[in-house]
Protein backbone atom coordinates (compact mmCIF):
# COMPACT_ATOMS: atom_id res chain seq x y z
CA MET A 1 -11.77 -36.92 -52.75
CA LYS A 2 -14.42 -38.46 -55.04
CA THR A 3 -16.34 -35.86 -57.02
CA THR A 4 -19.73 -36.13 -58.70
CA LYS A 5 -19.79 -35.67 -62.45
CA GLN A 6 -21.89 -32.69 -63.43
CA SER A 7 -24.07 -32.14 -66.47
CA THR A 8 -22.23 -30.88 -69.53
CA PHE A 9 -25.49 -29.56 -71.00
CA ALA A 10 -25.58 -25.82 -70.30
CA SER A 11 -29.19 -24.78 -70.89
CA GLY A 12 -29.80 -22.36 -73.75
CA SER A 13 -26.22 -22.20 -75.01
CA ASP A 14 -25.49 -22.12 -78.74
CA ARG A 15 -23.00 -24.94 -78.31
CA VAL A 16 -25.60 -27.23 -76.76
CA PHE A 17 -28.15 -26.41 -79.44
CA GLU A 18 -25.68 -27.13 -82.23
CA GLU A 19 -24.86 -30.44 -80.56
CA LEU A 20 -28.56 -31.26 -80.53
CA ARG A 21 -28.97 -30.29 -84.18
CA MET A 22 -26.01 -32.46 -85.20
CA ARG A 23 -27.27 -35.51 -83.28
CA THR A 24 -30.78 -34.99 -84.62
CA MET A 25 -29.69 -34.88 -88.24
CA ASN A 26 -27.43 -37.90 -87.79
CA GLY A 27 -30.35 -39.81 -86.31
CA ALA A 28 -32.67 -38.61 -89.08
CA ASN A 29 -30.29 -40.06 -91.65
CA LEU A 30 -30.41 -43.39 -89.84
CA ARG A 31 -34.21 -43.30 -89.64
CA PHE A 32 -34.99 -42.03 -93.14
CA GLY A 33 -31.81 -42.22 -95.22
CA TYR A 34 -29.52 -39.40 -96.38
CA MET A 35 -32.13 -37.90 -98.73
CA LEU A 36 -34.62 -36.76 -96.10
CA PRO A 37 -38.26 -36.49 -97.23
CA LYS A 38 -39.41 -32.88 -97.47
CA LYS A 39 -42.02 -33.27 -94.72
CA VAL A 40 -39.45 -34.74 -92.35
CA ARG A 41 -36.97 -31.93 -93.02
CA GLU A 42 -39.63 -29.24 -92.56
CA ARG A 43 -40.86 -30.81 -89.33
CA LEU A 44 -37.34 -31.07 -87.92
CA ASP A 45 -36.50 -27.47 -88.88
CA TRP A 46 -39.63 -26.20 -87.13
CA GLU A 47 -39.16 -28.29 -83.99
CA LEU A 48 -35.52 -27.26 -83.69
CA GLU A 49 -36.51 -23.62 -84.10
CA VAL A 50 -39.00 -23.92 -81.24
CA ILE A 51 -36.52 -25.83 -79.07
CA GLN A 52 -33.91 -23.11 -79.60
CA SER A 53 -36.33 -20.29 -78.89
CA ARG A 54 -37.54 -21.97 -75.71
CA GLY A 55 -33.98 -22.78 -74.60
CA VAL A 56 -34.61 -26.47 -73.87
CA ALA A 57 -32.01 -28.19 -76.06
CA ASP A 58 -30.37 -29.56 -72.92
CA ARG A 59 -33.55 -31.46 -72.02
CA PHE A 60 -33.55 -33.33 -75.31
CA LEU A 61 -29.89 -34.23 -74.90
CA MET A 62 -30.62 -35.42 -71.37
CA MET A 63 -33.46 -37.63 -72.63
CA GLN A 64 -31.14 -39.18 -75.20
CA ASP A 65 -28.37 -39.55 -72.63
CA LEU A 66 -30.66 -41.41 -70.22
CA THR A 67 -32.24 -43.55 -72.96
CA ASN A 68 -28.83 -44.70 -74.17
CA ALA A 69 -27.78 -45.47 -70.59
CA LEU A 70 -30.89 -47.59 -70.04
CA ARG A 71 -30.09 -49.62 -73.15
CA ARG A 72 -26.52 -50.18 -71.98
CA MET A 73 -27.79 -51.33 -68.57
CA GLY A 74 -30.37 -53.62 -70.16
CA LEU A 75 -33.27 -51.86 -68.47
CA SER A 76 -36.75 -51.66 -69.96
CA ALA A 77 -38.09 -48.16 -70.60
CA GLY A 78 -41.51 -48.95 -72.03
CA ALA A 79 -42.23 -46.83 -75.08
CA GLY A 80 -39.69 -44.20 -74.00
CA PHE A 81 -40.50 -40.69 -72.77
CA GLU A 82 -44.28 -40.74 -73.33
CA ALA A 83 -44.94 -37.03 -73.76
CA ALA A 84 -42.07 -36.72 -76.25
CA THR A 85 -43.67 -39.24 -78.61
CA CYS A 86 -45.06 -36.34 -80.63
CA SER A 87 -41.56 -34.98 -81.31
CA MET A 88 -39.71 -35.78 -84.54
CA VAL A 89 -36.48 -34.62 -82.88
CA ALA A 90 -37.00 -37.19 -80.09
CA TYR A 91 -37.76 -39.87 -82.70
CA CYS A 92 -34.52 -39.06 -84.56
CA LEU A 93 -32.59 -39.17 -81.28
CA PHE A 94 -34.01 -42.71 -80.75
CA VAL A 95 -35.64 -41.52 -77.55
CA THR A 96 -39.04 -42.65 -78.85
CA ASP A 97 -40.09 -45.36 -81.30
CA ILE A 98 -43.17 -43.95 -83.03
CA ASN A 99 -42.91 -41.81 -86.17
CA PRO A 100 -44.98 -38.71 -85.23
CA LEU A 101 -45.62 -37.79 -88.87
CA LYS A 102 -47.06 -41.19 -89.69
CA CYS A 103 -49.38 -41.03 -86.68
CA ASN A 104 -50.18 -37.30 -87.03
CA LEU A 105 -48.83 -36.36 -83.60
CA LEU A 106 -48.33 -32.67 -82.86
CA PHE A 107 -45.13 -31.33 -81.34
CA GLU A 108 -46.93 -28.38 -79.73
CA THR A 109 -48.72 -30.75 -77.30
CA PHE A 110 -45.24 -31.44 -75.86
CA LEU A 111 -43.67 -28.01 -76.21
CA ASN A 112 -45.97 -25.04 -76.83
CA PRO A 113 -44.13 -22.42 -78.96
CA ASP A 114 -46.07 -19.66 -77.18
CA GLY A 115 -45.99 -21.20 -73.70
CA THR A 116 -43.72 -20.87 -70.69
CA SER A 117 -44.04 -24.27 -69.02
CA LEU A 118 -41.28 -26.82 -69.50
CA PRO A 119 -41.93 -30.11 -71.31
CA GLU A 120 -42.75 -33.22 -69.28
CA MET A 121 -40.00 -35.81 -68.96
CA GLU A 122 -41.71 -38.89 -67.52
CA LEU A 123 -40.22 -42.31 -68.17
CA ASN A 124 -41.89 -45.68 -67.60
CA LEU A 125 -39.68 -48.40 -66.11
CA ALA A 126 -39.92 -52.02 -65.03
CA ASP A 127 -40.53 -52.71 -61.33
CA GLY A 128 -37.31 -52.46 -59.36
CA ASP A 129 -35.42 -50.44 -61.97
CA LYS A 130 -36.08 -47.00 -60.50
CA PRO A 131 -33.30 -47.10 -57.85
CA LYS A 132 -30.76 -48.06 -60.52
CA VAL A 133 -31.85 -45.16 -62.72
CA VAL A 134 -31.79 -42.68 -59.82
CA LYS A 135 -28.28 -43.86 -58.94
CA TRP A 136 -27.16 -43.33 -62.55
CA LEU A 137 -28.76 -39.86 -62.72
CA THR A 138 -27.08 -38.85 -59.47
CA LYS A 139 -23.69 -40.05 -60.66
CA ARG A 140 -24.09 -38.47 -64.10
CA TYR A 141 -25.63 -35.12 -63.23
CA GLY A 142 -25.02 -34.59 -59.55
CA LYS A 143 -26.99 -34.97 -56.33
CA GLU A 144 -29.22 -31.99 -57.09
CA GLN A 145 -30.55 -33.80 -60.17
CA GLU A 146 -31.79 -36.84 -58.22
CA ASN A 147 -35.34 -35.58 -57.81
CA ASN A 148 -35.37 -33.17 -60.73
CA PRO A 149 -39.01 -32.92 -62.02
CA THR A 150 -37.58 -33.05 -65.48
CA VAL A 151 -37.01 -36.63 -64.91
CA GLY A 152 -40.21 -38.42 -63.63
CA LEU A 153 -39.67 -42.17 -63.16
CA VAL A 154 -42.72 -44.47 -63.02
CA GLU A 155 -42.54 -48.24 -62.52
CA LEU A 156 -45.12 -50.22 -64.50
CA ARG A 157 -45.95 -53.92 -64.43
CA ALA A 158 -46.29 -53.98 -68.23
CA CYS A 159 -42.64 -52.94 -68.59
CA SER A 160 -41.67 -55.64 -66.10
CA ILE A 161 -43.50 -58.34 -68.07
CA ILE A 162 -41.88 -57.26 -71.34
CA LYS A 163 -38.44 -57.19 -69.74
CA GLU A 164 -38.93 -60.62 -68.12
CA THR A 165 -40.25 -62.14 -71.35
CA VAL A 166 -37.17 -60.92 -73.23
CA ARG A 167 -35.04 -62.46 -70.48
CA ASN A 168 -36.92 -65.78 -70.78
CA VAL A 169 -36.49 -65.80 -74.55
CA LEU A 170 -32.75 -65.23 -74.20
CA GLU A 171 -32.33 -67.94 -71.55
CA TYR A 172 -34.44 -70.56 -73.35
CA THR A 173 -33.80 -69.89 -77.06
CA LYS A 174 -30.53 -67.87 -76.90
CA ILE A 175 -32.28 -65.25 -79.08
CA CYS A 176 -31.51 -61.65 -78.11
CA LEU A 177 -34.86 -60.03 -78.79
CA ASP A 178 -35.09 -56.26 -79.41
CA VAL A 179 -38.66 -55.15 -78.73
CA ASN A 180 -37.87 -51.74 -80.23
CA SER A 181 -37.53 -53.46 -83.62
CA ILE A 182 -40.82 -55.37 -83.53
CA PRO A 183 -42.76 -54.70 -86.79
CA LEU A 184 -46.04 -52.86 -86.27
CA ASN A 185 -47.78 -54.77 -89.07
CA ASP A 186 -47.31 -58.31 -87.80
CA VAL A 187 -50.30 -60.39 -88.97
CA GLU A 188 -50.52 -62.67 -85.92
CA THR A 189 -50.32 -59.75 -83.51
CA ILE A 190 -52.99 -57.72 -85.30
CA SER A 191 -55.20 -60.83 -85.44
CA SER A 192 -54.97 -61.24 -81.67
CA PHE A 193 -56.37 -57.71 -81.31
CA ARG A 194 -59.08 -58.33 -83.93
CA TYR A 195 -60.38 -61.30 -81.97
CA GLY A 196 -60.01 -59.68 -78.56
CA ASP A 197 -57.37 -62.17 -77.38
CA MET A 198 -56.08 -59.71 -74.83
CA LEU A 199 -55.58 -61.65 -71.60
CA GLY A 200 -52.34 -60.40 -70.09
CA VAL A 201 -52.08 -57.42 -72.47
CA SER A 202 -51.84 -54.19 -70.50
CA GLN A 203 -54.73 -51.69 -70.85
CA PHE A 204 -56.51 -53.88 -73.40
CA GLU A 205 -57.80 -56.56 -71.00
CA GLU A 206 -60.93 -54.58 -70.13
CA PRO A 207 -64.05 -56.51 -71.27
CA THR A 208 -65.64 -53.48 -72.97
CA LEU A 209 -62.45 -52.86 -74.95
CA GLN A 210 -62.17 -56.51 -75.95
CA ALA A 211 -65.78 -56.44 -77.15
CA LEU A 212 -65.11 -53.26 -79.13
CA LEU A 213 -62.06 -54.84 -80.75
CA ARG A 214 -64.17 -57.81 -81.87
CA GLU A 215 -66.85 -55.52 -83.26
CA ILE A 216 -64.52 -53.18 -85.16
CA MET A 217 -61.84 -55.78 -86.04
CA PRO A 218 -59.01 -53.27 -86.66
CA ILE A 219 -56.50 -53.99 -89.39
CA ALA A 220 -53.63 -51.63 -88.52
CA PHE A 221 -51.73 -50.14 -85.57
CA GLU A 222 -53.32 -46.72 -86.15
CA GLU A 223 -56.79 -48.25 -85.82
CA LEU A 224 -55.79 -49.87 -82.54
CA MET A 225 -55.00 -46.39 -81.24
CA ALA A 226 -58.46 -45.19 -82.30
CA VAL A 227 -60.22 -48.14 -80.65
CA TYR A 228 -58.35 -47.53 -77.40
CA ALA A 229 -59.26 -43.82 -77.49
CA LEU A 230 -62.93 -44.53 -78.21
CA ASN A 231 -63.16 -46.92 -75.28
CA HIS A 232 -61.25 -44.48 -73.05
CA MET A 233 -63.62 -41.58 -73.68
CA GLY A 234 -66.76 -43.68 -73.26
CA LEU A 235 -68.92 -41.62 -75.63
CA SER A 236 -71.20 -44.29 -77.12
CA ASP A 237 -72.65 -42.04 -79.85
CA ARG A 238 -69.15 -41.26 -81.16
CA THR A 239 -68.20 -44.92 -81.10
CA LYS A 240 -71.36 -45.85 -83.03
CA GLN A 241 -70.62 -43.10 -85.58
CA TYR A 242 -67.07 -44.40 -86.03
CA ILE A 243 -68.30 -47.96 -86.64
CA GLN A 244 -71.01 -46.79 -89.03
CA ASN A 245 -68.66 -44.53 -90.99
CA ARG A 246 -66.04 -47.27 -91.18
CA GLN A 247 -68.57 -49.69 -92.66
CA LEU A 248 -69.76 -47.09 -95.18
CA TRP A 249 -66.14 -46.24 -96.02
CA ASN A 250 -65.35 -49.86 -96.76
CA ARG A 251 -68.43 -50.20 -98.97
CA LYS A 252 -68.46 -46.82 -100.72
CA GLY A 253 -64.87 -45.69 -100.36
CA GLY A 254 -65.47 -42.23 -98.93
CA GLN A 255 -67.18 -39.90 -96.48
CA LYS A 256 -68.87 -36.50 -96.75
CA TYR A 257 -67.34 -33.62 -94.80
CA ALA A 258 -68.93 -30.43 -93.52
CA ILE A 259 -66.21 -28.28 -95.11
CA LYS A 260 -63.99 -29.16 -98.03
CA GLY A 261 -60.45 -29.96 -96.92
CA MET A 262 -61.37 -31.47 -93.53
CA GLU A 263 -60.76 -34.93 -94.98
CA ARG A 264 -57.01 -34.44 -94.63
CA TYR A 265 -57.35 -34.41 -90.83
CA LEU A 266 -60.25 -36.84 -90.34
CA LYS A 267 -59.76 -39.48 -93.02
CA GLN A 268 -57.74 -41.76 -90.74
CA THR A 269 -60.67 -41.93 -88.29
CA TYR A 270 -63.38 -42.18 -90.98
CA GLY A 271 -64.64 -38.63 -90.60
CA VAL A 272 -65.11 -38.80 -86.83
CA THR A 273 -63.13 -36.46 -84.56
CA ILE A 274 -61.57 -38.62 -81.85
CA PHE A 275 -58.29 -37.02 -80.82
CA PRO A 276 -57.52 -33.52 -79.48
CA GLU A 277 -54.76 -33.27 -82.09
CA GLN A 278 -57.45 -33.37 -84.81
CA VAL A 279 -59.24 -30.46 -83.15
CA MET A 280 -55.98 -28.52 -83.04
CA GLN A 281 -55.21 -29.16 -86.70
CA LEU A 282 -58.74 -28.21 -87.76
CA ALA A 283 -58.59 -24.99 -85.73
CA GLN A 284 -55.45 -24.08 -87.67
CA PHE A 285 -56.97 -25.09 -91.01
CA LEU A 286 -60.42 -23.54 -90.58
CA ALA A 287 -59.66 -20.42 -88.56
CA GLY A 288 -55.95 -19.78 -88.94
CA PHE A 289 -55.02 -20.52 -85.32
CA THR A 290 -51.28 -20.71 -84.67
CA PRO A 291 -49.86 -23.95 -83.21
CA GLY A 292 -49.58 -22.21 -79.84
CA GLU A 293 -53.18 -20.98 -79.99
CA SER A 294 -54.47 -24.41 -80.94
CA GLU A 295 -52.63 -25.95 -77.98
CA MET A 296 -54.21 -23.33 -75.71
CA LEU A 297 -57.60 -24.27 -77.21
CA ARG A 298 -56.99 -27.90 -76.32
CA GLU A 299 -56.07 -27.06 -72.75
CA VAL A 300 -59.01 -24.75 -72.01
CA MET A 301 -61.54 -27.14 -73.59
CA ALA A 302 -60.12 -30.15 -71.76
CA HIS A 303 -60.33 -28.32 -68.42
CA LYS A 304 -63.67 -26.58 -69.17
CA GLN A 305 -62.33 -23.06 -68.62
CA THR A 306 -65.61 -21.36 -69.53
CA ARG A 307 -64.46 -17.74 -69.92
CA LYS A 308 -61.52 -18.63 -72.14
CA ILE A 309 -63.68 -21.05 -74.15
CA VAL A 310 -66.07 -18.21 -74.95
CA GLU A 311 -63.19 -15.97 -76.05
CA LEU A 312 -61.68 -18.64 -78.27
CA LYS A 313 -65.06 -19.51 -79.75
CA GLU A 314 -65.57 -15.90 -80.85
CA LYS A 315 -62.11 -15.95 -82.40
CA PHE A 316 -62.77 -19.26 -84.15
CA ILE A 317 -66.12 -18.19 -85.62
CA SER A 318 -64.84 -14.76 -86.62
CA GLN A 319 -61.64 -15.94 -88.28
CA GLY A 320 -63.33 -19.00 -89.78
CA THR A 321 -66.02 -16.83 -91.34
CA SER A 322 -63.35 -14.48 -92.71
CA ASN A 323 -61.81 -17.55 -94.36
CA GLY A 324 -65.07 -18.09 -96.24
CA HIS A 325 -66.68 -20.78 -94.09
CA ASP A 326 -70.37 -20.85 -93.14
CA PRO A 327 -70.73 -19.63 -89.51
CA GLU A 328 -73.56 -22.10 -88.85
CA VAL A 329 -71.35 -24.98 -89.91
CA LEU A 330 -68.55 -23.61 -87.73
CA GLU A 331 -70.98 -23.47 -84.79
CA LYS A 332 -71.82 -27.18 -85.26
CA ILE A 333 -68.15 -28.09 -85.47
CA TRP A 334 -67.40 -26.14 -82.28
CA SER A 335 -70.31 -27.81 -80.48
CA ASP A 336 -68.94 -31.22 -81.45
CA TRP A 337 -65.50 -30.29 -80.10
CA LYS A 338 -66.97 -29.04 -76.84
CA LYS A 339 -68.61 -32.43 -76.24
CA LEU A 340 -65.46 -34.34 -77.13
CA MET A 341 -62.56 -32.53 -75.51
CA PRO A 342 -63.23 -33.10 -71.76
CA HIS A 343 -63.26 -36.86 -72.44
CA ALA A 344 -60.63 -37.28 -75.16
CA CYS A 345 -57.09 -38.52 -74.58
CA LEU A 346 -54.13 -37.19 -76.49
CA LYS A 347 -53.17 -39.24 -79.52
CA SER A 348 -49.60 -39.35 -78.23
CA HIS A 349 -50.88 -41.04 -75.05
CA ALA A 350 -52.98 -43.49 -77.07
CA ALA A 351 -49.93 -44.23 -79.21
CA ASN A 352 -47.77 -45.05 -76.18
CA VAL A 353 -50.39 -47.22 -74.49
CA THR A 354 -51.07 -49.05 -77.75
CA LEU A 355 -47.37 -49.56 -78.48
CA THR A 356 -46.80 -51.16 -75.07
CA ALA A 357 -49.89 -53.35 -75.52
CA TYR A 358 -48.82 -54.25 -79.05
CA ARG A 359 -45.39 -55.37 -77.86
CA MET A 360 -47.00 -57.55 -75.20
CA ALA A 361 -49.44 -59.03 -77.75
CA TYR A 362 -46.54 -59.71 -80.11
CA LEU A 363 -44.61 -61.54 -77.39
CA LYS A 364 -47.72 -63.49 -76.41
CA ALA A 365 -48.33 -64.52 -80.03
CA HIS A 366 -44.75 -65.49 -80.92
CA TYR A 367 -43.18 -66.43 -77.57
CA SER A 368 -46.22 -67.56 -75.62
CA VAL A 369 -44.59 -69.88 -73.08
CA GLU A 370 -41.94 -67.25 -72.25
CA PHE A 371 -44.69 -64.61 -71.99
CA VAL A 372 -46.85 -66.75 -69.68
CA ALA A 373 -43.90 -67.46 -67.40
CA ALA A 374 -43.05 -63.74 -67.27
CA SER A 375 -46.67 -62.78 -66.58
CA MET A 376 -46.91 -65.23 -63.67
CA THR A 377 -43.60 -64.03 -62.24
CA ASN A 378 -45.03 -60.51 -62.17
CA SER A 379 -48.48 -61.52 -60.87
CA LEU A 380 -47.66 -63.13 -57.52
CA ASP A 381 -49.90 -60.54 -55.86
CA ASP A 382 -52.79 -61.38 -58.22
CA ILE A 383 -53.70 -65.06 -57.93
CA ASP A 384 -56.82 -64.64 -60.06
CA HIS A 385 -54.70 -63.43 -62.96
CA ILE A 386 -52.39 -66.43 -62.62
CA PHE A 387 -55.42 -68.74 -62.69
CA ALA A 388 -56.75 -66.99 -65.79
CA LEU A 389 -53.41 -67.54 -67.54
CA LEU A 390 -53.35 -71.21 -66.51
CA ASP A 391 -56.89 -71.63 -67.78
CA GLU A 392 -56.12 -70.12 -71.22
CA PHE A 393 -52.84 -71.98 -71.63
CA ASP A 394 -54.04 -75.30 -70.23
CA HIS A 395 -51.67 -77.27 -72.48
CA TYR A 396 -48.66 -76.10 -70.45
CA SER A 397 -47.35 -78.06 -67.48
CA ILE A 398 -46.14 -76.25 -64.38
CA PHE A 399 -43.56 -77.89 -62.09
CA GLY A 400 -42.02 -76.81 -58.80
CA PRO A 401 -40.75 -75.63 -56.51
CA ALA A 402 -37.22 -76.16 -57.79
CA ASP A 403 -34.15 -75.12 -55.80
CA SER A 404 -32.34 -74.43 -59.10
CA VAL A 405 -34.79 -71.66 -59.99
CA GLN A 406 -34.59 -68.18 -58.49
CA PRO A 407 -37.28 -67.67 -55.81
CA ARG A 408 -40.46 -65.90 -56.91
CA ARG A 409 -39.75 -66.67 -60.55
CA PHE A 410 -41.20 -68.92 -63.29
CA VAL A 411 -38.82 -70.08 -66.03
CA VAL A 412 -39.17 -72.03 -69.28
CA ILE A 413 -37.56 -75.47 -69.73
CA SER A 414 -39.39 -76.62 -72.88
CA ASP A 415 -42.05 -75.47 -75.34
CA TRP A 416 -44.74 -76.62 -72.91
CA LYS A 417 -43.03 -76.81 -69.50
CA ILE A 418 -42.57 -74.06 -66.92
CA VAL A 419 -40.71 -74.51 -63.63
CA TYR A 420 -41.03 -72.19 -60.66
CA GLY A 421 -38.77 -71.45 -57.73
CA HIS A 422 -39.88 -71.07 -54.14
CA LEU A 423 -42.97 -68.86 -53.99
CA PRO A 424 -44.77 -67.04 -51.16
CA ARG A 425 -46.73 -69.48 -49.01
CA LYS A 426 -50.05 -67.91 -50.01
CA VAL A 427 -49.30 -68.47 -53.68
CA MET A 428 -48.19 -72.07 -53.08
CA ARG A 429 -51.45 -72.84 -51.26
CA ALA A 430 -53.48 -71.29 -54.07
CA LEU A 431 -51.62 -73.28 -56.72
CA SER A 432 -52.09 -76.54 -54.80
CA ASP A 433 -55.85 -75.86 -54.64
CA CYS A 434 -56.05 -74.79 -58.28
CA SER A 435 -58.85 -76.47 -60.23
CA CYS A 436 -57.42 -75.40 -63.60
CA PRO A 437 -56.78 -78.28 -66.04
CA ILE A 438 -53.00 -78.15 -65.68
CA SER A 439 -50.33 -80.27 -64.03
CA LEU A 440 -49.00 -78.77 -60.78
CA LEU A 441 -46.29 -81.15 -59.68
CA TYR A 442 -43.30 -81.04 -57.39
CA TYR A 443 -40.08 -80.93 -59.34
């Protein structure tokens, strides 16, 4: 009789934790070399200590197990497990692709040392990939794991477009493109953000965000995260302050801070508090909050839990004053946080959204015809978006329908030619009536 393979990760066991530690350190050596930087080593030691105390080593091994399986199956997983982006352990396991130290992401937003809730394990997939992943999970871990809320699977169009573009590149150029290795300082890609050239780029197509990009003209990936967060929260006074401070910074090379030492946490955003992680770090710096307490502060402020906010404010002012800070200044800082937190998005979320958008912008800049074909393949339910793409890339010629091309798909046959297979009748009618300056011919 056929049996289902069960998980070998026994939660909380010393053996499982030691396995996690070994894999983490091996991955760290690959990421950073055999002489690990002190900050990396300290961060890993602390995260592993929390993981062991919370008994969740098996979850990290499961995330790595699934991530490796997705790569073997050639499935797109977006930016990886989004919530785990703030974990150095996850980064060293190659579960995520963003260095949390470089982006100042806090592990406690994923796994609170003082909490009891389990960490989120949500994974973004391309459309149509979810059944394949569920089948693999069932085979690997057993039927009871199929709908395990440790494993949330979400299908996103952005992941589908990235996956299809990579497929187009391979078919047309024979280049096997690894989006996980795309450099985050590519000049052409950053320029496309600076000039708001965001048609077809997930989450960054919004007109207000495109206008903000043109006004700020970011020069680095970290600034793209800040621009996304500013637009997301919609606090115009904070956005104006960011722009003003950035201009002053560029001219004068600095910014005044209410309390000495705050620069360490606010310098990257020109003295303006944008992310909840900055509030958490400042609460630890100014008032001696523990990582667990600062995460609780984030949660109660975000959800406007009035009674707990009052309690934490008293603690913040009291402990901050004991640390030698002016209580009036602390009051102003707290008031600023109170305005921000209900609207702010976690920096780890901004990092994931920006990374996905960046990958799409990179593909659009360097493999534009493959990207356009992939975008149209995944926009058959959005004729207006197809027309917008045809209008922007009016130097491409579109031919079809071709029996040699898979139905409902656009493929590349030259640097300026795209051929499509048989499409839904509604789409065919729309294309035949298209007034865009592009050739729509039968192939």
